[in-house]
Amino acid sequence: MSDYPNPPNEPDWLTEFEDMANDQLGEGSACEQVHPIIESWYTRLLQGEPPASRDSVIQAMSCLATEILYDSPEEILSAVMEHVSEEELAAFIEYVLLVGRAFEISLRNGELDDL
């Protein structure tokens, strides 16, 4: 089990997958080397405001989240839907897209140059 509590709004069922990934990563992996930098960046992201976005970008991300949801493999979708509602899953996908957008912005701004 993970040593870190789940961040706010993160479903508890994700812990199982995080633990599995941590168990599968070998000693000295690239993910292990980068992790402290990313963890620090992610913590700052959670404590601050999401990146500023035009309304059209927010709407496009919402639509993209819905498209990803409906294009997900049925086996995965049905397994996940046993634990969360469609709205919760769509919101989580939108959250992942938001984190990805913030990550890209940070890379462009040089905030993650130490990677």
C-alpha atoms as a PDB file:
ATOM      1  CA  MET A   1       0.000   0.000   0.000  1.00  0.00           C
ATOM      2  CA  SER A   2       1.187   3.501  -0.799  1.00  0.00           C
ATOM      3  CA  ASP A   3       2.852   5.546   1.945  1.00  0.00           C
ATOM      4  CA  TYR A   4       1.103   8.689   0.726  1.00  0.00           C
ATOM      5  CA  PRO A   5      -2.586   9.462   1.259  1.00  0.00           C
ATOM      6  CA  ASN A   6      -4.630  10.006  -1.858  1.00  0.00           C
ATOM      7  CA  PRO A   7      -4.847  13.668  -2.862  1.00  0.00           C
ATOM      8  CA  PRO A   8      -8.258  15.295  -2.452  1.00  0.00           C
ATOM      9  CA  ASN A   9     -10.748  14.201  -5.108  1.00  0.00           C
ATOM     10  CA  GLU A  10      -8.654  11.170  -6.080  1.00  0.00           C
ATOM     11  CA  PRO A  11     -10.638   7.936  -5.944  1.00  0.00           C
ATOM     12  CA  ASP A  12      -9.414   5.405  -3.378  1.00  0.00           C
ATOM     13  CA  TRP A  13      -9.528   2.611  -5.969  1.00  0.00           C
ATOM     14  CA  LEU A  14      -6.537   4.179  -7.769  1.00  0.00           C
ATOM     15  CA  THR A  15      -4.265   3.213  -4.878  1.00  0.00           C
ATOM     16  CA  GLU A  16      -4.288  -0.411  -6.033  1.00  0.00           C
ATOM     17  CA  PHE A  17      -2.960   0.587  -9.456  1.00  0.00           C
ATOM     18  CA  GLU A  18      -0.351   2.942  -8.003  1.00  0.00           C
ATOM     19  CA  ASP A  19       0.897   0.186  -5.710  1.00  0.00           C
ATOM     20  CA  MET A  20       1.047  -2.265  -8.609  1.00  0.00           C
ATOM     21  CA  ALA A  21       3.068   0.216 -10.692  1.00  0.00           C
ATOM     22  CA  ASN A  22       5.453   0.855  -7.790  1.00  0.00           C
ATOM     23  CA  ASP A  23       5.951  -2.894  -7.309  1.00  0.00           C
ATOM     24  CA  GLN A  24       6.647  -3.405 -11.020  1.00  0.00           C
ATOM     25  CA  LEU A  25       9.210  -0.602 -11.365  1.00  0.00           C
ATOM     26  CA  GLY A  26      12.694  -1.945 -10.912  1.00  0.00           C
ATOM     27  CA  GLU A  27      15.355  -0.419  -8.718  1.00  0.00           C
ATOM     28  CA  GLY A  28      17.032   2.548 -10.401  1.00  0.00           C
ATOM     29  CA  SER A  29      14.311   3.041 -13.018  1.00  0.00           C
ATOM     30  CA  ALA A  30      13.977   6.371 -14.782  1.00  0.00           C
ATOM     31  CA  CYS A  31      10.631   6.893 -13.029  1.00  0.00           C
ATOM     32  CA  GLU A  32      12.283   6.531  -9.648  1.00  0.00           C
ATOM     33  CA  GLN A  33      14.948   9.087 -10.574  1.00  0.00           C
ATOM     34  CA  VAL A  34      12.430  11.671 -11.818  1.00  0.00           C
ATOM     35  CA  HIS A  35       9.795  11.058  -9.168  1.00  0.00           C
ATOM     36  CA  PRO A  36      10.979  13.599  -6.533  1.00  0.00           C
ATOM     37  CA  ILE A  37      10.944  16.432  -9.071  1.00  0.00           C
ATOM     38  CA  ILE A  38       7.522  15.473 -10.378  1.00  0.00           C
ATOM     39  CA  GLU A  39       6.165  14.891  -6.880  1.00  0.00           C
ATOM     40  CA  SER A  40       7.256  18.374  -5.826  1.00  0.00           C
ATOM     41  CA  TRP A  41       5.768  19.897  -8.983  1.00  0.00           C
ATOM     42  CA  TYR A  42       2.481  17.999  -8.531  1.00  0.00           C
ATOM     43  CA  THR A  43       2.208  19.028  -4.875  1.00  0.00           C
ATOM     44  CA  ARG A  44       2.607  22.678  -5.873  1.00  0.00           C
ATOM     45  CA  LEU A  45       0.000  22.204  -8.600  1.00  0.00           C
ATOM     46  CA  LEU A  46      -2.494  20.778  -6.101  1.00  0.00           C
ATOM     47  CA  GLN A  47      -1.902  23.632  -3.677  1.00  0.00           C
ATOM     48  CA  GLY A  48      -2.385  26.337  -6.299  1.00  0.00           C
ATOM     49  CA  GLU A  49      -4.886  27.221  -8.947  1.00  0.00           C
ATOM     50  CA  PRO A  50      -5.130  25.287 -12.203  1.00  0.00           C
ATOM     51  CA  PRO A  51      -3.569  26.975 -15.221  1.00  0.00           C
ATOM     52  CA  ALA A  52      -5.573  29.892 -16.501  1.00  0.00           C
ATOM     53  CA  SER A  53      -7.604  28.900 -19.535  1.00  0.00           C
ATOM     54  CA  ARG A  54      -9.932  30.557 -21.970  1.00  0.00           C
ATOM     55  CA  ASP A  55     -13.520  29.340 -21.732  1.00  0.00           C
ATOM     56  CA  SER A  56     -13.155  27.684 -25.126  1.00  0.00           C
ATOM     57  CA  VAL A  57     -10.187  25.616 -23.866  1.00  0.00           C
ATOM     58  CA  ILE A  58     -12.120  24.492 -20.789  1.00  0.00           C
ATOM     59  CA  GLN A  59     -15.077  23.518 -22.960  1.00  0.00           C
ATOM     60  CA  ALA A  60     -12.809  21.655 -25.400  1.00  0.00           C
ATOM     61  CA  MET A  61     -11.185  19.708 -22.548  1.00  0.00           C
ATOM     62  CA  SER A  62     -14.610  18.759 -21.230  1.00  0.00           C
ATOM     63  CA  CYS A  63     -15.674  17.535 -24.665  1.00  0.00           C
ATOM     64  CA  LEU A  64     -12.414  15.628 -25.061  1.00  0.00           C
ATOM     65  CA  ALA A  65     -12.935  13.963 -21.671  1.00  0.00           C
ATOM     66  CA  THR A  66     -16.380  12.831 -22.799  1.00  0.00           C
ATOM     67  CA  GLU A  67     -14.974  11.473 -26.084  1.00  0.00           C
ATOM     68  CA  ILE A  68     -12.251   9.564 -24.227  1.00  0.00           C
ATOM     69  CA  LEU A  69     -14.878   8.149 -21.876  1.00  0.00           C
ATOM     70  CA  TYR A  70     -17.075   6.908 -24.722  1.00  0.00           C
ATOM     71  CA  ASP A  71     -14.089   5.559 -26.683  1.00  0.00           C
ATOM     72  CA  SER A  72     -12.732   3.585 -23.718  1.00  0.00           C
ATOM     73  CA  PRO A  73     -12.642  -0.197 -24.083  1.00  0.00           C
ATOM     74  CA  GLU A  74     -15.887  -1.693 -22.778  1.00  0.00           C
ATOM     75  CA  GLU A  75     -14.040  -4.060 -20.423  1.00  0.00           C
ATOM     76  CA  ILE A  76     -12.255  -1.186 -18.717  1.00  0.00           C
ATOM     77  CA  LEU A  77     -15.292   1.060 -18.712  1.00  0.00           C
ATOM     78  CA  SER A  78     -17.606  -1.521 -17.158  1.00  0.00           C
ATOM     79  CA  ALA A  79     -15.037  -2.439 -14.477  1.00  0.00           C
ATOM     80  CA  VAL A  80     -14.511   1.192 -13.507  1.00  0.00           C
ATOM     81  CA  MET A  81     -18.224   2.005 -13.613  1.00  0.00           C
ATOM     82  CA  GLU A  82     -18.774  -0.591 -10.877  1.00  0.00           C
ATOM     83  CA  HIS A  83     -16.988   1.815  -8.540  1.00  0.00           C
ATOM     84  CA  VAL A  84     -17.776   5.309  -9.805  1.00  0.00           C
ATOM     85  CA  SER A  85     -20.498   7.085 -11.729  1.00  0.00           C
ATOM     86  CA  GLU A  86     -20.119   8.197 -15.328  1.00  0.00           C
ATOM     87  CA  GLU A  87     -19.932  11.813 -14.149  1.00  0.00           C
ATOM     88  CA  GLU A  88     -17.152  11.014 -11.672  1.00  0.00           C
ATOM     89  CA  LEU A  89     -15.178   9.167 -14.332  1.00  0.00           C
ATOM     90  CA  ALA A  90     -15.597  12.005 -16.843  1.00  0.00           C
ATOM     91  CA  ALA A  91     -14.458  14.491 -14.186  1.00  0.00           C
ATOM     92  CA  PHE A  92     -11.415  12.328 -13.433  1.00  0.00           C
ATOM     93  CA  ILE A  93     -10.486  12.141 -17.134  1.00  0.00           C
ATOM     94  CA  GLU A  94     -10.862  15.923 -17.345  1.00  0.00           C
ATOM     95  CA  TYR A  95      -8.626  16.221 -14.271  1.00  0.00           C
ATOM     96  CA  VAL A  96      -5.946  14.074 -15.952  1.00  0.00           C
ATOM     97  CA  LEU A  97      -6.140  16.279 -19.039  1.00  0.00           C
ATOM     98  CA  LEU A  98      -5.792  19.363 -16.839  1.00  0.00           C
ATOM     99  CA  VAL A  99      -2.708  17.934 -15.125  1.00  0.00           C
ATOM    100  CA  GLY A 100      -1.246  17.112 -18.542  1.00  0.00           C
ATOM    101  CA  ARG A 101      -1.886  20.661 -19.721  1.00  0.00           C
ATOM    102  CA  ALA A 102      -0.276  22.076 -16.568  1.00  0.00           C
ATOM    103  CA  PHE A 103       2.687  19.738 -17.089  1.00  0.00           C
ATOM    104  CA  GLU A 104       3.141  20.944 -20.662  1.00  0.00           C
ATOM    105  CA  ILE A 105       2.932  24.586 -19.544  1.00  0.00           C
ATOM    106  CA  SER A 106       5.562  23.941 -16.857  1.00  0.00           C
ATOM    107  CA  LEU A 107       7.850  22.269 -19.383  1.00  0.00           C
ATOM    108  CA  ARG A 108       7.507  25.219 -21.778  1.00  0.00           C
ATOM    109  CA  ASN A 109       8.126  27.738 -18.971  1.00  0.00           C
ATOM    110  CA  GLY A 110      11.313  25.968 -17.888  1.00  0.00           C
ATOM    111  CA  GLU A 111       9.903  25.045 -14.490  1.00  0.00           C
ATOM    112  CA  LEU A 112      10.898  21.398 -15.040  1.00  0.00           C
ATOM    113  CA  ASP A 113      14.272  21.952 -16.741  1.00  0.00           C
ATOM    114  CA  ASP A 114      15.970  19.739 -14.133  1.00  0.00           C
ATOM    115  CA  LEU A 115      14.278  16.693 -15.651  1.00  0.00           C
END
